[in-house]
N, C-alpha and C. Protein backbone atom coordinates (compact mmCIF):
# COMPACT_ATOMS: atom_id res chain seq x y z
N UNK A 1 0.85 -1.18 0.00
CA UNK A 1 0.00 0.00 0.00
C UNK A 1 0.89 1.23 0.00
N UNK A 2 0.41 2.23 -0.71
CA UNK A 2 1.13 3.49 -0.79
C UNK A 2 0.25 4.58 -0.19
N UNK A 3 0.76 5.28 0.80
CA UNK A 3 0.01 6.38 1.42
C UNK A 3 -0.02 7.55 0.45
N UNK A 4 -1.23 8.11 0.28
CA UNK A 4 -1.39 9.26 -0.60
C UNK A 4 -2.16 10.35 0.13
N UNK A 5 -2.06 11.56 -0.37
CA UNK A 5 -2.76 12.70 0.21
C UNK A 5 -4.22 12.71 -0.21
N UNK A 6 -4.48 12.25 -1.44
CA UNK A 6 -5.85 12.19 -1.94
C UNK A 6 -5.97 11.07 -2.97
N UNK A 7 -7.21 10.59 -3.13
CA UNK A 7 -7.49 9.54 -4.10
C UNK A 7 -8.89 9.77 -4.65
N UNK A 8 -9.07 9.41 -5.91
CA UNK A 8 -10.38 9.55 -6.55
C UNK A 8 -11.12 8.22 -6.43
N UNK A 9 -12.26 8.25 -5.72
CA UNK A 9 -13.12 7.07 -5.63
C UNK A 9 -14.00 7.05 -6.89
N UNK A 10 -14.12 5.87 -7.50
CA UNK A 10 -14.86 5.72 -8.75
C UNK A 10 -16.03 4.77 -8.51
N UNK A 11 -17.23 5.18 -8.94
CA UNK A 11 -18.44 4.37 -8.76
C UNK A 11 -18.20 2.95 -9.26
N UNK A 12 -18.60 2.00 -8.43
CA UNK A 12 -18.54 0.57 -8.74
C UNK A 12 -17.16 0.08 -9.14
N UNK A 13 -16.11 0.70 -8.57
CA UNK A 13 -14.76 0.22 -8.81
C UNK A 13 -13.90 0.24 -7.55
N UNK A 14 -13.80 1.40 -6.91
CA UNK A 14 -12.87 1.60 -5.81
C UNK A 14 -12.06 2.84 -6.11
N UNK A 15 -10.80 2.90 -5.67
CA UNK A 15 -9.96 4.04 -6.00
C UNK A 15 -9.45 3.90 -7.43
N UNK A 16 -9.35 5.01 -8.12
CA UNK A 16 -9.04 5.04 -9.55
C UNK A 16 -7.80 4.24 -9.91
N UNK A 17 -6.72 4.37 -9.16
CA UNK A 17 -5.47 3.72 -9.53
C UNK A 17 -5.22 2.41 -8.79
N UNK A 18 -6.21 1.89 -8.11
CA UNK A 18 -6.04 0.65 -7.34
C UNK A 18 -6.30 -0.56 -8.23
N UNK A 19 -5.34 -1.45 -8.29
CA UNK A 19 -5.47 -2.64 -9.13
C UNK A 19 -6.46 -3.65 -8.56
N UNK A 20 -6.87 -3.49 -7.31
CA UNK A 20 -7.77 -4.44 -6.67
C UNK A 20 -9.24 -4.10 -6.87
N UNK A 21 -9.54 -2.88 -7.34
CA UNK A 21 -10.93 -2.48 -7.55
C UNK A 21 -11.56 -3.25 -8.70
N UNK A 22 -12.74 -3.80 -8.48
CA UNK A 22 -13.43 -4.58 -9.50
C UNK A 22 -14.91 -4.18 -9.56
N UNK A 23 -15.41 -3.87 -10.76
CA UNK A 23 -16.85 -3.59 -10.89
C UNK A 23 -17.68 -4.76 -10.38
N UNK A 24 -18.73 -4.45 -9.65
CA UNK A 24 -19.63 -5.46 -9.11
C UNK A 24 -19.15 -6.13 -7.84
N UNK A 25 -17.93 -5.85 -7.41
CA UNK A 25 -17.38 -6.49 -6.23
C UNK A 25 -17.90 -5.84 -4.95
N UNK A 26 -18.00 -6.65 -3.90
CA UNK A 26 -18.34 -6.14 -2.57
C UNK A 26 -17.09 -5.64 -1.86
N UNK A 27 -15.91 -5.84 -2.48
CA UNK A 27 -14.63 -5.55 -1.86
C UNK A 27 -13.91 -4.39 -2.56
N UNK A 28 -14.60 -3.29 -2.83
CA UNK A 28 -13.99 -2.20 -3.57
C UNK A 28 -13.08 -1.34 -2.70
N UNK A 29 -13.46 -1.10 -1.45
CA UNK A 29 -12.63 -0.34 -0.52
C UNK A 29 -12.71 -0.98 0.86
N UNK A 30 -11.60 -0.94 1.58
CA UNK A 30 -11.54 -1.44 2.95
C UNK A 30 -11.29 -0.26 3.88
N UNK A 31 -12.17 -0.10 4.89
CA UNK A 31 -12.01 0.91 5.92
C UNK A 31 -11.61 0.21 7.20
N UNK A 32 -10.62 0.76 7.88
CA UNK A 32 -10.12 0.20 9.15
C UNK A 32 -9.95 1.35 10.12
N UNK A 33 -10.29 1.13 11.38
CA UNK A 33 -10.19 2.23 12.35
C UNK A 33 -8.82 2.28 13.03
N UNK A 34 -8.36 3.49 13.20
CA UNK A 34 -7.06 3.76 13.81
C UNK A 34 -6.99 3.23 15.25
N UNK A 35 -8.10 3.28 15.96
CA UNK A 35 -8.12 2.84 17.35
C UNK A 35 -7.76 1.36 17.48
N UNK A 36 -8.31 0.52 16.60
CA UNK A 36 -8.00 -0.91 16.63
C UNK A 36 -6.55 -1.14 16.24
N UNK A 37 -6.08 -0.43 15.22
CA UNK A 37 -4.69 -0.56 14.81
C UNK A 37 -3.76 -0.22 15.97
N UNK A 38 -4.04 0.87 16.65
CA UNK A 38 -3.20 1.30 17.78
C UNK A 38 -3.22 0.26 18.90
N UNK A 39 -4.42 -0.25 19.19
CA UNK A 39 -4.57 -1.26 20.25
C UNK A 39 -3.74 -2.51 19.93
N UNK A 40 -3.64 -2.85 18.65
CA UNK A 40 -2.90 -4.04 18.23
C UNK A 40 -1.43 -3.74 17.93
N UNK A 41 -1.03 -2.47 18.13
CA UNK A 41 0.36 -2.10 17.89
C UNK A 41 0.75 -2.08 16.42
N UNK A 42 -0.22 -1.72 15.56
CA UNK A 42 0.00 -1.72 14.11
C UNK A 42 -0.03 -0.30 13.55
N UNK A 43 0.73 -0.09 12.50
CA UNK A 43 0.76 1.21 11.83
C UNK A 43 -0.37 1.28 10.80
N UNK A 44 -0.98 2.47 10.60
CA UNK A 44 -1.98 2.62 9.54
C UNK A 44 -1.41 2.16 8.19
N UNK A 45 -2.24 1.43 7.44
CA UNK A 45 -1.86 0.93 6.13
C UNK A 45 -1.30 -0.47 6.12
N UNK A 46 -0.84 -0.95 7.25
CA UNK A 46 -0.16 -2.25 7.27
C UNK A 46 -1.11 -3.42 7.00
N UNK A 47 -2.39 -3.28 7.36
CA UNK A 47 -3.34 -4.36 7.08
C UNK A 47 -4.01 -4.15 5.72
N UNK A 48 -3.44 -3.24 4.93
CA UNK A 48 -3.82 -3.00 3.55
C UNK A 48 -5.18 -2.34 3.41
N UNK A 49 -5.55 -1.54 4.41
CA UNK A 49 -6.80 -0.79 4.31
C UNK A 49 -6.63 0.37 3.34
N UNK A 50 -7.72 0.74 2.68
CA UNK A 50 -7.70 1.88 1.77
C UNK A 50 -7.89 3.20 2.51
N UNK A 51 -8.70 3.16 3.57
CA UNK A 51 -9.00 4.36 4.35
C UNK A 51 -8.88 3.99 5.82
N UNK A 52 -8.12 4.78 6.56
CA UNK A 52 -8.01 4.61 8.01
C UNK A 52 -8.88 5.67 8.66
N UNK A 53 -9.84 5.23 9.48
CA UNK A 53 -10.77 6.16 10.12
C UNK A 53 -10.36 6.40 11.57
N UNK A 54 -10.95 7.43 12.15
CA UNK A 54 -10.73 7.75 13.56
C UNK A 54 -12.07 8.15 14.17
N UNK A 55 -12.40 7.57 15.34
CA UNK A 55 -13.59 7.98 16.06
C UNK A 55 -14.89 7.39 15.55
N UNK A 56 -14.82 6.36 14.71
CA UNK A 56 -16.01 5.73 14.16
C UNK A 56 -15.94 4.24 14.46
N UNK A 57 -16.94 3.72 15.15
CA UNK A 57 -16.98 2.31 15.51
C UNK A 57 -17.42 1.49 14.30
N UNK A 58 -16.46 1.02 13.52
CA UNK A 58 -16.78 0.28 12.30
C UNK A 58 -17.49 -1.02 12.59
N UNK A 59 -17.22 -1.62 13.74
CA UNK A 59 -17.87 -2.87 14.11
C UNK A 59 -19.36 -2.73 14.32
N UNK A 60 -19.85 -1.51 14.54
CA UNK A 60 -21.27 -1.30 14.76
C UNK A 60 -22.04 -1.07 13.46
N UNK A 61 -21.34 -1.00 12.33
CA UNK A 61 -22.00 -0.76 11.05
C UNK A 61 -22.63 -2.03 10.52
N UNK A 62 -23.75 -1.87 9.82
CA UNK A 62 -24.43 -3.01 9.23
C UNK A 62 -24.43 -2.93 7.72
N UNK A 63 -24.71 -4.05 7.11
CA UNK A 63 -24.80 -4.11 5.66
C UNK A 63 -25.79 -3.06 5.16
N UNK A 64 -25.38 -2.33 4.14
CA UNK A 64 -26.23 -1.28 3.58
C UNK A 64 -26.01 0.08 4.18
N UNK A 65 -25.25 0.16 5.26
CA UNK A 65 -24.95 1.44 5.89
C UNK A 65 -24.26 2.35 4.88
N UNK A 66 -24.70 3.59 4.77
CA UNK A 66 -24.08 4.55 3.86
C UNK A 66 -23.14 5.46 4.63
N UNK A 67 -21.97 5.69 4.03
CA UNK A 67 -20.95 6.54 4.64
C UNK A 67 -20.50 7.58 3.63
N UNK A 68 -20.45 8.80 4.08
CA UNK A 68 -19.88 9.87 3.27
C UNK A 68 -18.42 10.01 3.68
N UNK A 69 -17.52 9.88 2.69
CA UNK A 69 -16.08 10.00 2.94
C UNK A 69 -15.56 11.02 1.95
N UNK A 70 -15.25 12.22 2.44
CA UNK A 70 -14.90 13.29 1.52
C UNK A 70 -16.07 13.54 0.59
N UNK A 71 -15.81 13.55 -0.72
CA UNK A 71 -16.88 13.75 -1.71
C UNK A 71 -17.56 12.45 -2.11
N UNK A 72 -17.01 11.32 -1.70
CA UNK A 72 -17.52 10.01 -2.13
C UNK A 72 -18.60 9.49 -1.19
N UNK A 73 -19.43 8.61 -1.73
CA UNK A 73 -20.44 7.93 -0.94
C UNK A 73 -20.18 6.44 -1.05
N UNK A 74 -20.07 5.79 0.11
CA UNK A 74 -19.77 4.35 0.17
C UNK A 74 -20.93 3.61 0.82
N UNK A 75 -21.11 2.37 0.42
CA UNK A 75 -22.10 1.50 1.04
C UNK A 75 -21.36 0.32 1.66
N UNK A 76 -21.57 0.12 2.94
CA UNK A 76 -20.92 -1.00 3.64
C UNK A 76 -21.54 -2.30 3.13
N UNK A 77 -20.67 -3.23 2.72
CA UNK A 77 -21.17 -4.50 2.20
C UNK A 77 -21.03 -5.63 3.22
N UNK A 78 -19.82 -5.87 3.70
CA UNK A 78 -19.59 -6.97 4.66
C UNK A 78 -18.39 -6.62 5.54
N UNK A 79 -18.34 -7.21 6.75
CA UNK A 79 -17.12 -7.08 7.53
C UNK A 79 -15.99 -7.80 6.79
N UNK A 80 -14.78 -7.33 6.97
CA UNK A 80 -13.63 -7.94 6.31
C UNK A 80 -13.09 -9.08 7.18
N UNK A 81 -13.04 -10.26 6.61
CA UNK A 81 -12.48 -11.42 7.31
C UNK A 81 -10.97 -11.43 7.11
N UNK A 82 -10.21 -11.57 8.18
CA UNK A 82 -8.75 -11.56 8.04
C UNK A 82 -8.26 -12.82 7.32
N UNK A 83 -7.30 -12.63 6.43
CA UNK A 83 -6.73 -13.75 5.68
C UNK A 83 -5.36 -14.10 6.25
N UNK A 84 -4.75 -15.12 5.66
CA UNK A 84 -3.43 -15.58 6.12
C UNK A 84 -2.35 -14.52 5.95
N UNK A 85 -2.58 -13.50 5.12
CA UNK A 85 -1.58 -12.43 4.95
C UNK A 85 -1.36 -11.67 6.26
N UNK A 86 -2.35 -11.71 7.15
CA UNK A 86 -2.18 -11.03 8.45
C UNK A 86 -1.04 -11.68 9.23
N UNK A 87 -0.89 -12.99 9.10
CA UNK A 87 0.19 -13.68 9.80
C UNK A 87 1.55 -13.38 9.18
N UNK A 88 1.58 -12.84 7.96
CA UNK A 88 2.84 -12.37 7.37
C UNK A 88 3.30 -11.08 8.05
N UNK A 89 2.34 -10.32 8.56
CA UNK A 89 2.66 -9.08 9.28
C UNK A 89 3.20 -9.44 10.66
N UNK A 90 2.46 -10.32 11.34
CA UNK A 90 2.86 -10.78 12.67
C UNK A 90 2.18 -12.13 12.91
N UNK A 91 2.94 -13.13 13.25
CA UNK A 91 2.37 -14.46 13.48
C UNK A 91 1.29 -14.36 14.56
N UNK A 92 0.12 -14.92 14.26
CA UNK A 92 -1.01 -14.89 15.19
C UNK A 92 -1.96 -13.74 14.96
N UNK A 93 -1.59 -12.79 14.10
CA UNK A 93 -2.44 -11.61 13.88
C UNK A 93 -3.77 -11.97 13.23
N UNK A 94 -3.79 -12.99 12.38
CA UNK A 94 -5.04 -13.37 11.73
C UNK A 94 -6.12 -13.66 12.77
N UNK A 95 -5.77 -14.40 13.81
CA UNK A 95 -6.74 -14.68 14.87
C UNK A 95 -6.97 -13.48 15.77
N UNK A 96 -5.91 -12.75 16.05
CA UNK A 96 -5.99 -11.59 16.95
C UNK A 96 -6.92 -10.51 16.39
N UNK A 97 -6.95 -10.37 15.06
CA UNK A 97 -7.72 -9.29 14.44
C UNK A 97 -9.10 -9.76 13.97
N UNK A 98 -9.39 -11.05 14.11
CA UNK A 98 -10.69 -11.60 13.67
C UNK A 98 -11.83 -10.82 14.32
N UNK A 99 -12.80 -10.40 13.49
CA UNK A 99 -13.94 -9.62 13.97
C UNK A 99 -13.64 -8.14 14.12
N UNK A 100 -12.38 -7.73 13.81
CA UNK A 100 -11.99 -6.32 13.99
C UNK A 100 -11.17 -5.82 12.80
N UNK A 101 -11.27 -6.49 11.66
CA UNK A 101 -10.44 -6.17 10.49
C UNK A 101 -10.99 -5.00 9.69
N UNK A 102 -12.12 -4.44 10.07
CA UNK A 102 -12.69 -3.32 9.33
C UNK A 102 -13.86 -3.76 8.49
N UNK A 103 -14.30 -2.86 7.60
CA UNK A 103 -15.46 -3.13 6.77
C UNK A 103 -15.14 -2.90 5.30
N UNK A 104 -15.75 -3.74 4.48
CA UNK A 104 -15.61 -3.61 3.04
C UNK A 104 -16.78 -2.81 2.51
N UNK A 105 -16.51 -1.99 1.53
CA UNK A 105 -17.53 -1.11 0.96
C UNK A 105 -17.47 -1.11 -0.55
N UNK A 106 -18.57 -0.71 -1.15
CA UNK A 106 -18.57 -0.43 -2.58
C UNK A 106 -18.82 1.06 -2.75
N UNK A 107 -18.32 1.62 -3.83
CA UNK A 107 -18.47 3.05 -4.09
C UNK A 107 -19.78 3.28 -4.84
N UNK A 108 -20.67 4.08 -4.26
CA UNK A 108 -21.96 4.37 -4.91
C UNK A 108 -22.02 5.79 -5.48
N UNK A 109 -21.08 6.64 -5.10
CA UNK A 109 -20.94 7.97 -5.72
C UNK A 109 -19.45 8.31 -5.77
N UNK A 110 -19.00 8.63 -6.95
CA UNK A 110 -17.59 9.01 -7.13
C UNK A 110 -17.29 10.31 -6.39
N UNK A 111 -16.03 10.49 -6.07
CA UNK A 111 -15.61 11.73 -5.45
C UNK A 111 -14.19 11.65 -4.93
N UNK A 112 -13.63 12.82 -4.69
CA UNK A 112 -12.27 12.92 -4.17
C UNK A 112 -12.28 12.66 -2.66
N UNK A 113 -11.36 11.83 -2.21
CA UNK A 113 -11.17 11.54 -0.79
C UNK A 113 -9.78 12.02 -0.43
N UNK A 114 -9.71 12.93 0.55
CA UNK A 114 -8.42 13.51 0.95
C UNK A 114 -8.12 13.17 2.41
N UNK A 115 -6.83 13.08 2.71
CA UNK A 115 -6.41 12.85 4.09
C UNK A 115 -7.04 13.93 4.97
N UNK A 116 -7.62 13.53 6.06
CA UNK A 116 -8.25 14.46 7.00
C UNK A 116 -9.73 14.70 6.74
N UNK A 117 -10.28 14.20 5.61
CA UNK A 117 -11.72 14.34 5.35
C UNK A 117 -12.52 13.64 6.44
N UNK A 118 -13.70 14.18 6.71
CA UNK A 118 -14.56 13.53 7.69
C UNK A 118 -15.25 12.32 7.07
N UNK A 119 -15.59 11.37 7.93
CA UNK A 119 -16.37 10.20 7.56
C UNK A 119 -17.67 10.31 8.34
N UNK A 120 -18.79 10.38 7.61
CA UNK A 120 -20.07 10.58 8.26
C UNK A 120 -21.03 9.44 7.95
N UNK A 121 -21.76 9.01 8.96
CA UNK A 121 -22.82 8.02 8.81
C UNK A 121 -24.03 8.72 8.22
N UNK A 122 -24.59 8.21 7.12
CA UNK A 122 -25.75 8.86 6.51
C UNK A 122 -27.03 8.11 6.74
N UNK A 123 -26.99 6.82 6.88
CA UNK A 123 -28.22 6.06 7.10
C UNK A 123 -27.89 4.76 7.81
N UNK A 124 -28.90 4.19 8.37
CA UNK A 124 -28.75 2.89 9.00
C UNK A 124 -29.63 1.91 8.25
N UNK A 125 -29.18 0.65 8.11
CA UNK A 125 -30.01 -0.33 7.42
C UNK A 125 -31.29 -0.60 8.19
N UNK A 126 -32.33 -0.97 7.48
CA UNK A 126 -33.63 -1.25 8.11
C UNK A 126 -33.59 -2.56 8.87
């Protein structure tokens, strides 16, 4: 992962220059909270999140939750399940981070996302 000052979110893809973005995928962007990273002694970006949030309880979000991030609008699709790559960072991290790896989203409105932009909850699923 490469830290950037800003990135363009593209509808139904993810970030414009990200090779992992796929149309129709539930895994277009990964959001991870700084508080969990800090608690686990990890640096932002190391678990390959696209956006690191602060002050937002990602674990409380449900499928369909809408989030405004900068100019972009994201829809939470599923919690992110940790893969074996977590153990490449630190042995045992895959289990340690289970249930706290962040949330996967799809982009429903394109827009510029800049470091320091606010992340706002817009709706809750029914």
